[in-house]
Amino acid sequence: MAPRNWALIIWAIFLIAGQATTALATRPMETLQGPFDQIISILNDPSYKAGALRAEQRDKIWEIARPIFNFKEISRRAIGRPWDNFSPQEKKQFSDVFSLFLGSTYIDKLQGKFNNEQIDFDKELVKGSKALVRTRLRRKNIEIPIDYRMHNVDGKWKIYDILLENGVSLVKNYRVQFTSILKEKTPAQLIEDLEKKLAEQNKSNSGSK
């Protein structure tokens, strides 16, 4: 279910994501810039080159990255209209497993593809409780624009979508897939499928230690 050909750029989602502060005065761009050095440091730390420590590195990256994402909103948008057909329990179950699935998928790519890339922060566009932070991923002679859609939730700026250079959004990519699946399966079956894929990922990661 992972978007195709995003291995090079998707790591940037986690590279600049981190713990947001509670102050309303904190700007969206500042929310993303702060943890940059933390993630870079973890990725460049030679002590994690040993396979046995990859799981620990994953945990540290996830600990920094997870709080800045609004996975409940990402899940709702990724499902689209069928979200109303999910029971409250199914909504929670899906949000929980989908967040772990995304984290497992892209942190794995991050660990495998990181090669001293850098992020340039170009500008932020804020309108009320919504914001768009425009960045560029630099890798040698390649520059790829990546835009982060954010909104303010209880005083914290959180990411709810990412737009790549061709305007394709992470949320829309999954929505197309989930819409197709839900034509054939129930919400419970979709959740079960994701749980199975997550278990396979965890088994694979465990075996690579």
Protein backbone atom coordinates (compact mmCIF):
# COMPACT_ATOMS: atom_id res chain seq x y z
CA MET A 1 0.00 0.00 0.00
CA ALA A 2 3.01 2.34 0.15
CA PRO A 3 3.10 5.09 -2.49
CA ARG A 4 5.35 4.14 -5.39
CA ASN A 5 8.73 5.82 -6.01
CA TRP A 6 8.73 7.87 -2.81
CA ALA A 7 11.72 6.15 -1.21
CA LEU A 8 14.03 9.11 -1.86
CA ILE A 9 11.79 11.86 -0.54
CA ILE A 10 9.42 10.37 2.01
CA TRP A 11 12.13 10.25 4.66
CA ALA A 12 11.86 14.03 4.89
CA ILE A 13 8.47 13.65 6.53
CA PHE A 14 10.20 12.25 9.60
CA LEU A 15 13.44 14.15 9.21
CA ILE A 16 11.94 17.48 10.23
CA ALA A 17 9.08 16.25 12.37
CA GLY A 18 9.24 16.50 16.14
CA GLN A 19 7.60 17.60 19.35
CA ALA A 20 5.53 20.78 18.97
CA THR A 21 5.35 23.30 21.76
CA THR A 22 2.06 24.30 23.31
CA ALA A 23 2.51 28.04 22.76
CA LEU A 24 0.12 29.48 20.19
CA ALA A 25 2.81 31.99 19.24
CA THR A 26 5.04 29.23 17.86
CA ARG A 27 5.06 29.45 14.09
CA PRO A 28 4.43 26.35 11.94
CA MET A 29 7.89 26.55 10.38
CA GLU A 30 9.50 26.84 13.79
CA THR A 31 7.62 23.74 14.88
CA LEU A 32 9.29 21.81 12.07
CA GLN A 33 12.73 23.38 12.20
CA GLY A 34 13.38 22.69 15.87
CA PRO A 35 13.76 18.89 15.73
CA PHE A 36 15.79 18.90 12.49
CA ASP A 37 19.15 18.50 14.19
CA GLN A 38 17.80 15.81 16.52
CA ILE A 39 16.76 13.53 13.67
CA ILE A 40 19.88 14.25 11.61
CA SER A 41 22.01 13.44 14.62
CA ILE A 42 20.26 10.10 15.13
CA LEU A 43 20.60 9.19 11.45
CA ASN A 44 24.28 10.13 11.36
CA ASP A 45 25.17 8.49 14.67
CA PRO A 46 27.68 5.73 13.75
CA SER A 47 26.65 3.67 16.77
CA TYR A 48 23.42 2.78 14.96
CA LYS A 49 25.18 1.34 11.93
CA ALA A 50 25.15 -2.05 13.62
CA GLY A 51 22.05 -3.99 12.59
CA ALA A 52 21.25 -4.91 16.17
CA LEU A 53 20.62 -1.25 17.02
CA ARG A 54 18.34 -0.43 14.08
CA ALA A 55 15.25 -1.07 16.20
CA GLU A 56 16.49 1.38 18.84
CA GLN A 57 17.16 3.97 16.15
CA ARG A 58 13.64 3.45 14.76
CA ASP A 59 12.15 3.94 18.22
CA LYS A 60 14.02 7.20 18.76
CA ILE A 61 12.98 8.58 15.37
CA TRP A 62 9.36 7.59 15.98
CA GLU A 63 9.40 9.16 19.43
CA ILE A 64 10.39 12.50 17.90
CA ALA A 65 8.23 12.26 14.79
CA ARG A 66 4.92 10.92 16.02
CA PRO A 67 3.68 13.89 18.10
CA ILE A 68 3.78 16.34 15.20
CA PHE A 69 1.37 14.33 13.05
CA ASN A 70 -2.39 14.40 13.53
CA PHE A 71 -2.97 10.77 12.67
CA LYS A 72 -6.64 10.93 13.51
CA GLU A 73 -7.12 13.64 10.87
CA ILE A 74 -4.82 11.87 8.42
CA SER A 75 -6.85 8.69 8.85
CA ARG A 76 -10.17 10.49 8.34
CA ARG A 77 -8.94 12.17 5.19
CA ALA A 78 -7.31 9.00 3.87
CA ILE A 79 -10.61 7.13 4.12
CA GLY A 80 -12.76 9.99 2.81
CA ARG A 81 -16.54 9.69 2.71
CA PRO A 82 -16.66 6.06 3.91
CA TRP A 83 -15.28 7.32 7.25
CA ASP A 84 -18.88 7.94 8.33
CA ASN A 85 -19.54 4.21 7.95
CA PHE A 86 -16.88 3.35 10.52
CA SER A 87 -18.06 2.84 14.08
CA PRO A 88 -16.32 4.91 16.80
CA GLN A 89 -14.33 1.82 17.77
CA GLU A 90 -13.35 1.14 14.15
CA LYS A 91 -12.24 4.75 13.72
CA LYS A 92 -9.92 4.44 16.70
CA GLN A 93 -8.65 1.02 15.63
CA PHE A 94 -7.95 2.23 12.11
CA SER A 95 -6.20 5.41 13.29
CA ASP A 96 -4.03 3.40 15.67
CA VAL A 97 -2.93 0.76 13.18
CA PHE A 98 -2.61 3.19 10.25
CA SER A 99 -0.30 5.46 12.23
CA LEU A 100 1.93 2.50 13.11
CA PHE A 101 1.80 1.25 9.53
CA LEU A 102 2.90 4.64 8.17
CA GLY A 103 5.62 4.95 10.78
CA SER A 104 6.96 1.46 10.10
CA THR A 105 6.82 1.93 6.32
CA TYR A 106 8.59 5.26 6.10
CA ILE A 107 11.06 5.00 8.95
CA ASP A 108 12.28 1.80 7.30
CA LYS A 109 12.79 3.76 4.06
CA LEU A 110 14.42 6.58 5.98
CA GLN A 111 16.96 4.23 7.54
CA GLY A 112 17.76 2.65 4.21
CA LYS A 113 17.83 5.75 1.99
CA PHE A 114 19.28 8.56 4.12
CA ASN A 115 22.39 9.97 2.45
CA ASN A 116 23.20 13.34 4.05
CA GLU A 117 20.19 15.10 2.53
CA GLN A 118 19.31 18.58 3.74
CA ILE A 119 16.05 20.52 4.04
CA ASP A 120 15.72 24.18 3.09
CA PHE A 121 12.74 25.98 4.61
CA ASP A 122 11.42 28.46 2.04
CA LYS A 123 8.29 30.03 3.50
CA GLU A 124 5.15 29.51 5.53
CA LEU A 125 1.65 30.58 4.55
CA VAL A 126 -0.72 30.90 7.48
CA LYS A 127 -4.45 31.48 7.27
CA GLY A 128 -6.27 31.19 10.57
CA SER A 129 -5.74 27.73 12.01
CA LYS A 130 -4.32 26.32 8.74
CA ALA A 131 -0.80 26.63 7.38
CA LEU A 132 1.37 25.50 4.50
CA VAL A 133 5.10 25.16 5.04
CA ARG A 134 7.13 25.02 1.84
CA THR A 135 10.47 23.24 1.87
CA ARG A 136 13.03 21.80 -0.53
CA LEU A 137 14.84 18.51 -0.11
CA ARG A 138 18.43 18.77 -1.33
CA ARG A 139 20.45 15.72 -2.24
CA LYS A 140 23.64 16.44 -4.19
CA ASN A 141 22.40 18.13 -7.38
CA ILE A 142 18.74 17.26 -6.83
CA GLU A 143 16.17 19.61 -5.30
CA ILE A 144 12.64 18.38 -4.62
CA PRO A 145 9.92 20.69 -3.25
CA ILE A 146 7.83 19.27 -0.42
CA ASP A 147 4.91 21.17 1.11
CA TYR A 148 3.51 20.37 4.54
CA ARG A 149 -0.14 21.06 5.30
CA MET A 150 -0.59 21.82 8.97
CA HIS A 151 -3.34 22.94 11.31
CA ASN A 152 -3.44 24.18 14.85
CA VAL A 153 -4.89 21.69 17.31
CA ASP A 154 -5.12 22.82 20.93
CA GLY A 155 -2.20 25.20 20.48
CA LYS A 156 0.01 22.75 18.58
CA TRP A 157 0.78 22.82 14.87
CA LYS A 158 0.40 19.34 13.41
CA ILE A 159 0.86 17.88 9.94
CA TYR A 160 -2.22 16.43 8.27
CA ASP A 161 -0.94 16.06 4.70
CA ILE A 162 2.21 16.31 2.58
CA LEU A 163 2.39 17.52 -1.02
CA LEU A 164 5.24 16.48 -3.28
CA GLU A 165 6.73 18.20 -6.32
CA ASN A 166 4.00 17.11 -8.71
CA GLY A 167 1.23 18.11 -6.31
CA VAL A 168 0.44 14.54 -5.29
CA SER A 169 -0.63 14.32 -1.67
CA LEU A 170 0.17 11.50 0.71
CA VAL A 171 -3.42 11.46 1.95
CA LYS A 172 -4.96 11.38 -1.52
CA ASN A 173 -2.66 8.56 -2.57
CA TYR A 174 -3.94 6.36 0.25
CA ARG A 175 -7.53 7.51 -0.26
CA VAL A 176 -7.51 6.10 -3.79
CA GLN A 177 -6.29 2.77 -2.48
CA PHE A 178 -8.67 2.59 0.49
CA THR A 179 -11.67 3.64 -1.61
CA SER A 180 -11.01 0.72 -3.94
CA ILE A 181 -10.58 -1.72 -1.05
CA LEU A 182 -13.74 -0.57 0.73
CA LYS A 183 -15.81 -1.33 -2.35
CA GLU A 184 -15.02 -4.98 -1.72
CA LYS A 185 -14.43 -5.15 2.02
CA THR A 186 -15.84 -3.87 5.28
CA PRO A 187 -14.02 -1.40 7.56
CA ALA A 188 -13.23 -4.30 9.91
CA GLN A 189 -11.66 -6.28 7.07
CA LEU A 190 -9.57 -3.26 6.00
CA ILE A 191 -8.32 -2.90 9.56
CA GLU A 192 -7.50 -6.60 9.69
CA ASP A 193 -5.55 -6.32 6.42
CA LEU A 194 -3.51 -3.41 7.79
CA GLU A 195 -2.82 -5.30 11.01
CA LYS A 196 -1.50 -8.24 8.98
CA LYS A 197 0.74 -5.98 6.90
CA LEU A 198 2.04 -4.29 10.04
CA ALA A 199 2.77 -7.69 11.61
CA GLU A 200 4.70 -8.67 8.47
CA GLN A 201 6.70 -5.44 8.63
CA ASN A 202 7.50 -5.97 12.30
CA LYS A 203 8.58 -9.54 11.62
CA SER A 204 10.80 -8.42 8.76
CA ASN A 205 12.36 -5.65 10.85
CA SER A 206 12.94 -8.07 13.70
CA GLY A 207 14.64 -10.50 11.36
CA SER A 208 16.98 -7.82 10.05
CA LYS A 209 18.57 -7.14 13.42
